[in-house]
Amino acid sequence: MVFMIRYVWVSLCCLYTTCCWSAELTAIEMKWLHAAEPVLAYAESQQLPIDIVVQPEASPGDAPLAMAVKDNRCQLVLSMRGNKDAEATLMNVPTDQVNLVIEAMTAHEVAHCWRYKQGVWHTVPAGFVEASSDVVQDTGLRQLQQQMRATRREEGFADLVGLAWTLREHPDQYAIVHRWLEQIRNDQPVAGGYHDTRLWVQLAQDSSAFAKGESPFEQASKLWNMGLLTEQ
């Protein structure tokens, strides 16, 4: 999750009026938000307070899509203007699968909002005993490892929600999205880094791993807990 400072606001009501979009947004932003609509509509039905935010100019390293929090509200932040890597994630995605992937990415970000609103951001389930990190003597390194672990876990939960959403809305195409996510997560600069969620992605290799008849957040929670135990 990231925290931004400068914003250009786009009202949520614009999500459902193309004319409003065309006046405010670029073609790339419109494409992403059109694809994200089903996820955002579901988030609204779950009373998740999400505002859409468009940065007038991306900063180096900005993800094209990210979740922020301001004044106790979640903000889906688009950082695509001036961002040469805005669509790098979609580079090898066939045209007819782009919306699938964007939906999964949006569900991933909405999962961050859900965790924040549940009051469980960077926490583990009650009764979970954390393995000691005292073996690392360097205080700075130990703190960095703890930070990476906490972020990695949140990313793992969010990846599972993205997959659970795909299973809910596009069950016949689950394997396509899982394969894409697996390829993305296999490209890790550092094993155990902030986005090394391979453990959780592997647990969801087969869509039957998700319990039926539950929300994507509940489905993800069960697999996420299993991953926490394996991670230890």
Protein backbone atom coordinates (compact mmCIF):
# COMPACT_ATOMS: atom_id res chain seq x y z
CA MET A 1 0.00 0.00 0.00
CA VAL A 2 1.25 3.49 -0.79
CA PHE A 3 0.44 6.97 0.47
CA MET A 4 0.20 9.73 -2.11
CA ILE A 5 0.22 13.52 -1.70
CA ARG A 6 -0.94 15.19 -4.93
CA TYR A 7 -4.24 14.23 -6.52
CA VAL A 8 -6.60 14.99 -9.35
CA TRP A 9 -10.02 13.78 -8.24
CA VAL A 10 -12.46 11.85 -10.40
CA SER A 11 -15.89 11.40 -8.88
CA LEU A 12 -17.13 7.84 -8.45
CA CYS A 13 -20.26 8.80 -10.35
CA CYS A 14 -18.08 9.20 -13.42
CA LEU A 15 -17.46 5.47 -13.42
CA TYR A 16 -20.83 4.98 -15.04
CA THR A 17 -20.82 7.83 -17.57
CA THR A 18 -18.47 7.57 -20.50
CA CYS A 19 -18.92 11.25 -21.36
CA CYS A 20 -17.59 12.24 -17.94
CA TRP A 21 -14.63 9.95 -18.41
CA SER A 22 -13.77 11.27 -21.84
CA ALA A 23 -13.60 14.80 -20.48
CA GLU A 24 -11.33 13.91 -17.55
CA LEU A 25 -9.28 10.85 -18.39
CA THR A 26 -6.78 9.57 -20.92
CA ALA A 27 -7.57 6.60 -23.15
CA ILE A 28 -5.39 4.30 -21.02
CA GLU A 29 -7.06 5.43 -17.79
CA MET A 30 -10.49 4.92 -19.34
CA LYS A 31 -9.54 1.41 -20.45
CA TRP A 32 -8.37 0.43 -16.97
CA LEU A 33 -11.37 1.91 -15.18
CA HIS A 34 -13.87 0.36 -17.58
CA ALA A 35 -12.28 -3.02 -16.89
CA ALA A 36 -12.27 -2.34 -13.14
CA GLU A 37 -15.97 -1.42 -12.98
CA PRO A 38 -17.30 -4.85 -11.84
CA VAL A 39 -14.81 -5.00 -8.97
CA LEU A 40 -15.52 -1.44 -7.88
CA ALA A 41 -19.26 -2.06 -7.99
CA TYR A 42 -18.77 -5.11 -5.76
CA ALA A 43 -16.59 -3.09 -3.37
CA GLU A 44 -19.36 -0.50 -3.11
CA SER A 45 -21.87 -3.24 -2.30
CA GLN A 46 -19.56 -4.28 0.55
CA GLN A 47 -19.55 -0.71 1.94
CA LEU A 48 -15.88 -0.19 1.17
CA PRO A 49 -15.29 3.58 0.85
CA ILE A 50 -13.16 3.88 -2.28
CA ASP A 51 -12.45 7.10 -4.15
CA ILE A 52 -10.82 7.16 -7.57
CA VAL A 53 -7.69 9.29 -7.76
CA VAL A 54 -5.69 10.18 -10.86
CA GLN A 55 -2.20 11.56 -10.50
CA PRO A 56 -1.43 14.38 -12.94
CA GLU A 57 2.06 12.98 -13.36
CA ALA A 58 3.54 9.74 -12.11
CA SER A 59 6.73 9.68 -10.09
CA PRO A 60 9.57 7.24 -10.89
CA GLY A 61 8.71 3.77 -9.64
CA ASP A 62 4.99 4.40 -9.22
CA ALA A 63 2.80 1.38 -9.85
CA PRO A 64 0.08 2.14 -12.42
CA LEU A 65 -2.58 1.01 -9.96
CA ALA A 66 -2.28 1.21 -6.18
CA MET A 67 -4.37 1.60 -3.05
CA ALA A 68 -3.86 4.50 -0.68
CA VAL A 69 -5.66 5.68 2.46
CA LYS A 70 -6.55 9.25 3.39
CA ASP A 71 -8.98 10.47 6.05
CA ASN A 72 -10.03 6.89 6.73
CA ARG A 73 -11.12 6.39 3.12
CA CYS A 74 -9.47 4.15 0.57
CA GLN A 75 -8.20 5.64 -2.68
CA LEU A 76 -7.59 3.70 -5.85
CA VAL A 77 -4.71 5.66 -7.36
CA LEU A 78 -3.95 5.64 -11.08
CA SER A 79 -0.38 6.72 -11.88
CA MET A 80 -0.32 6.40 -15.65
CA ARG A 81 0.41 9.87 -16.98
CA GLY A 82 4.06 10.13 -17.85
CA ASN A 83 4.60 6.55 -16.68
CA LYS A 84 6.38 4.68 -19.47
CA ASP A 85 5.85 1.42 -17.60
CA ALA A 86 2.13 1.97 -17.03
CA GLU A 87 1.13 -1.04 -19.10
CA ALA A 88 4.27 -3.14 -18.75
CA THR A 89 2.30 -5.68 -16.70
CA LEU A 90 -0.01 -6.20 -19.68
CA MET A 91 2.76 -6.39 -22.27
CA ASN A 92 2.46 -10.13 -22.91
CA VAL A 93 -1.25 -10.43 -22.17
CA PRO A 94 -3.41 -11.27 -25.23
CA THR A 95 -5.90 -8.54 -26.07
CA ASP A 96 -8.92 -10.68 -25.20
CA GLN A 97 -7.50 -11.35 -21.72
CA VAL A 98 -6.55 -7.78 -20.75
CA ASN A 99 -9.82 -7.04 -18.95
CA LEU A 100 -9.49 -10.28 -16.98
CA VAL A 101 -6.06 -9.27 -15.73
CA ILE A 102 -7.09 -5.70 -14.91
CA GLU A 103 -10.06 -7.03 -12.92
CA ALA A 104 -7.74 -9.30 -10.94
CA MET A 105 -5.33 -6.42 -10.32
CA THR A 106 -8.19 -4.21 -9.15
CA ALA A 107 -9.48 -6.93 -6.83
CA HIS A 108 -5.93 -7.18 -5.45
CA GLU A 109 -5.98 -3.47 -4.58
CA VAL A 110 -9.51 -3.64 -3.15
CA ALA A 111 -8.27 -6.42 -0.87
CA HIS A 112 -5.84 -3.94 0.68
CA CYS A 113 -8.77 -1.63 1.41
CA TRP A 114 -10.75 -4.48 2.94
CA ARG A 115 -7.88 -5.43 5.24
CA TYR A 116 -7.44 -1.81 6.29
CA LYS A 117 -11.15 -1.32 7.00
CA GLN A 118 -11.23 -4.56 8.99
CA GLY A 119 -8.51 -3.12 11.20
CA VAL A 120 -6.14 -6.00 10.47
CA TRP A 121 -3.56 -4.33 8.23
CA HIS A 122 -0.10 -5.83 8.91
CA THR A 123 -1.49 -8.20 11.53
CA VAL A 124 -1.87 -11.96 11.68
CA PRO A 125 -4.83 -14.03 12.94
CA ALA A 126 -5.46 -14.29 16.67
CA GLY A 127 -3.51 -17.14 18.20
CA PHE A 128 -0.85 -17.14 15.51
CA VAL A 129 2.61 -17.34 17.08
CA GLU A 130 5.26 -15.48 15.13
CA ALA A 131 8.59 -17.20 14.65
CA SER A 132 11.37 -15.38 16.44
CA SER A 133 13.64 -13.16 14.35
CA ASP A 134 16.20 -12.82 17.12
CA VAL A 135 18.67 -14.88 15.08
CA VAL A 136 19.36 -11.73 13.06
CA GLN A 137 21.66 -9.63 15.21
CA ASP A 138 21.71 -6.46 13.13
CA THR A 139 18.77 -4.31 14.29
CA GLY A 140 18.37 -2.51 10.97
CA LEU A 141 18.40 -5.74 9.01
CA ARG A 142 15.95 -7.35 11.42
CA GLN A 143 13.55 -4.43 11.06
CA LEU A 144 13.85 -4.58 7.28
CA GLN A 145 13.08 -8.31 7.29
CA GLN A 146 10.04 -7.72 9.48
CA GLN A 147 8.82 -4.96 7.17
CA MET A 148 9.31 -7.12 4.09
CA ARG A 149 7.51 -10.02 5.74
CA ALA A 150 4.52 -7.87 6.74
CA THR A 151 4.23 -6.39 3.24
CA ARG A 152 4.72 -9.78 1.58
CA ARG A 153 1.87 -11.21 3.62
CA GLU A 154 -0.47 -8.39 2.63
CA GLU A 155 0.50 -8.89 -1.00
CA GLY A 156 -0.12 -12.61 -0.65
CA PHE A 157 -3.60 -12.00 0.73
CA ALA A 158 -4.35 -9.54 -2.06
CA ASP A 159 -3.15 -11.98 -4.73
CA LEU A 160 -5.51 -14.60 -3.34
CA VAL A 161 -8.42 -12.16 -3.46
CA GLY A 162 -7.59 -11.41 -7.09
CA LEU A 163 -7.73 -15.11 -7.86
CA ALA A 164 -10.88 -15.67 -5.79
CA TRP A 165 -12.55 -12.83 -7.67
CA THR A 166 -11.59 -14.43 -10.99
CA LEU A 167 -13.02 -17.74 -9.83
CA ARG A 168 -16.24 -16.01 -8.80
CA GLU A 169 -16.76 -14.06 -12.01
CA HIS A 170 -14.79 -15.95 -14.66
CA PRO A 171 -14.41 -19.56 -13.48
CA ASP A 172 -13.60 -20.91 -16.94
CA GLN A 173 -10.67 -18.51 -17.22
CA TYR A 174 -9.21 -19.00 -13.76
CA ALA A 175 -6.21 -20.92 -15.07
CA ILE A 176 -5.36 -18.06 -17.44
CA VAL A 177 -5.19 -15.48 -14.66
CA HIS A 178 -3.38 -17.83 -12.31
CA ARG A 179 -0.76 -18.53 -14.95
CA TRP A 180 -0.27 -14.80 -15.56
CA LEU A 181 0.10 -14.11 -11.82
CA GLU A 182 2.48 -17.02 -11.41
CA GLN A 183 4.71 -15.61 -14.15
CA ILE A 184 4.67 -12.16 -12.55
CA ARG A 185 5.52 -13.48 -9.08
CA ASN A 186 8.22 -15.85 -10.31
CA ASP A 187 10.21 -12.81 -11.41
CA GLN A 188 11.59 -11.84 -8.02
CA PRO A 189 14.73 -9.71 -7.62
CA VAL A 190 15.10 -10.96 -4.04
CA ALA A 191 13.70 -14.20 -2.62
CA GLY A 192 11.41 -13.38 0.28
CA GLY A 193 11.07 -9.78 -0.87
CA TYR A 194 8.07 -7.48 -0.62
CA HIS A 195 6.20 -9.11 -3.51
CA ASP A 196 7.41 -12.68 -3.23
CA THR A 197 3.96 -14.22 -2.85
CA ARG A 198 4.82 -17.47 -4.62
CA LEU A 199 3.85 -19.51 -1.58
CA TRP A 200 0.24 -18.31 -1.70
CA VAL A 201 0.00 -18.38 -5.49
CA GLN A 202 1.11 -22.02 -5.41
CA LEU A 203 -1.53 -22.87 -2.82
CA ALA A 204 -4.16 -21.57 -5.24
CA GLN A 205 -2.83 -23.54 -8.23
CA ASP A 206 -6.07 -25.50 -8.32
CA SER A 207 -9.21 -23.39 -8.03
CA SER A 208 -10.79 -26.08 -5.85
CA ALA A 209 -8.54 -24.85 -3.03
CA PHE A 210 -11.03 -22.03 -2.51
CA ALA A 211 -14.12 -22.81 -0.43
CA LYS A 212 -17.41 -22.35 -2.26
CA GLY A 213 -20.20 -19.97 -1.37
CA GLU A 214 -18.11 -17.36 0.41
CA SER A 215 -16.97 -13.82 -0.44
CA PRO A 216 -13.58 -13.48 -2.16
CA PHE A 217 -12.21 -12.03 1.09
CA GLU A 218 -13.37 -15.01 3.13
CA GLN A 219 -12.10 -17.44 0.53
CA ALA A 220 -8.71 -15.76 0.50
CA SER A 221 -8.49 -15.68 4.30
CA LYS A 222 -8.56 -19.45 4.64
CA LEU A 223 -5.81 -20.05 2.10
CA TRP A 224 -3.83 -17.13 3.46
CA ASN A 225 -3.87 -18.66 6.94
CA MET A 226 -2.59 -21.93 5.50
CA GLY A 227 0.24 -20.03 3.86
CA LEU A 228 1.18 -18.33 7.12
CA LEU A 229 1.68 -21.73 8.74
CA THR A 230 3.75 -22.98 5.82
CA GLU A 231 5.80 -19.78 5.82
CA GLN A 232 6.84 -20.45 9.41
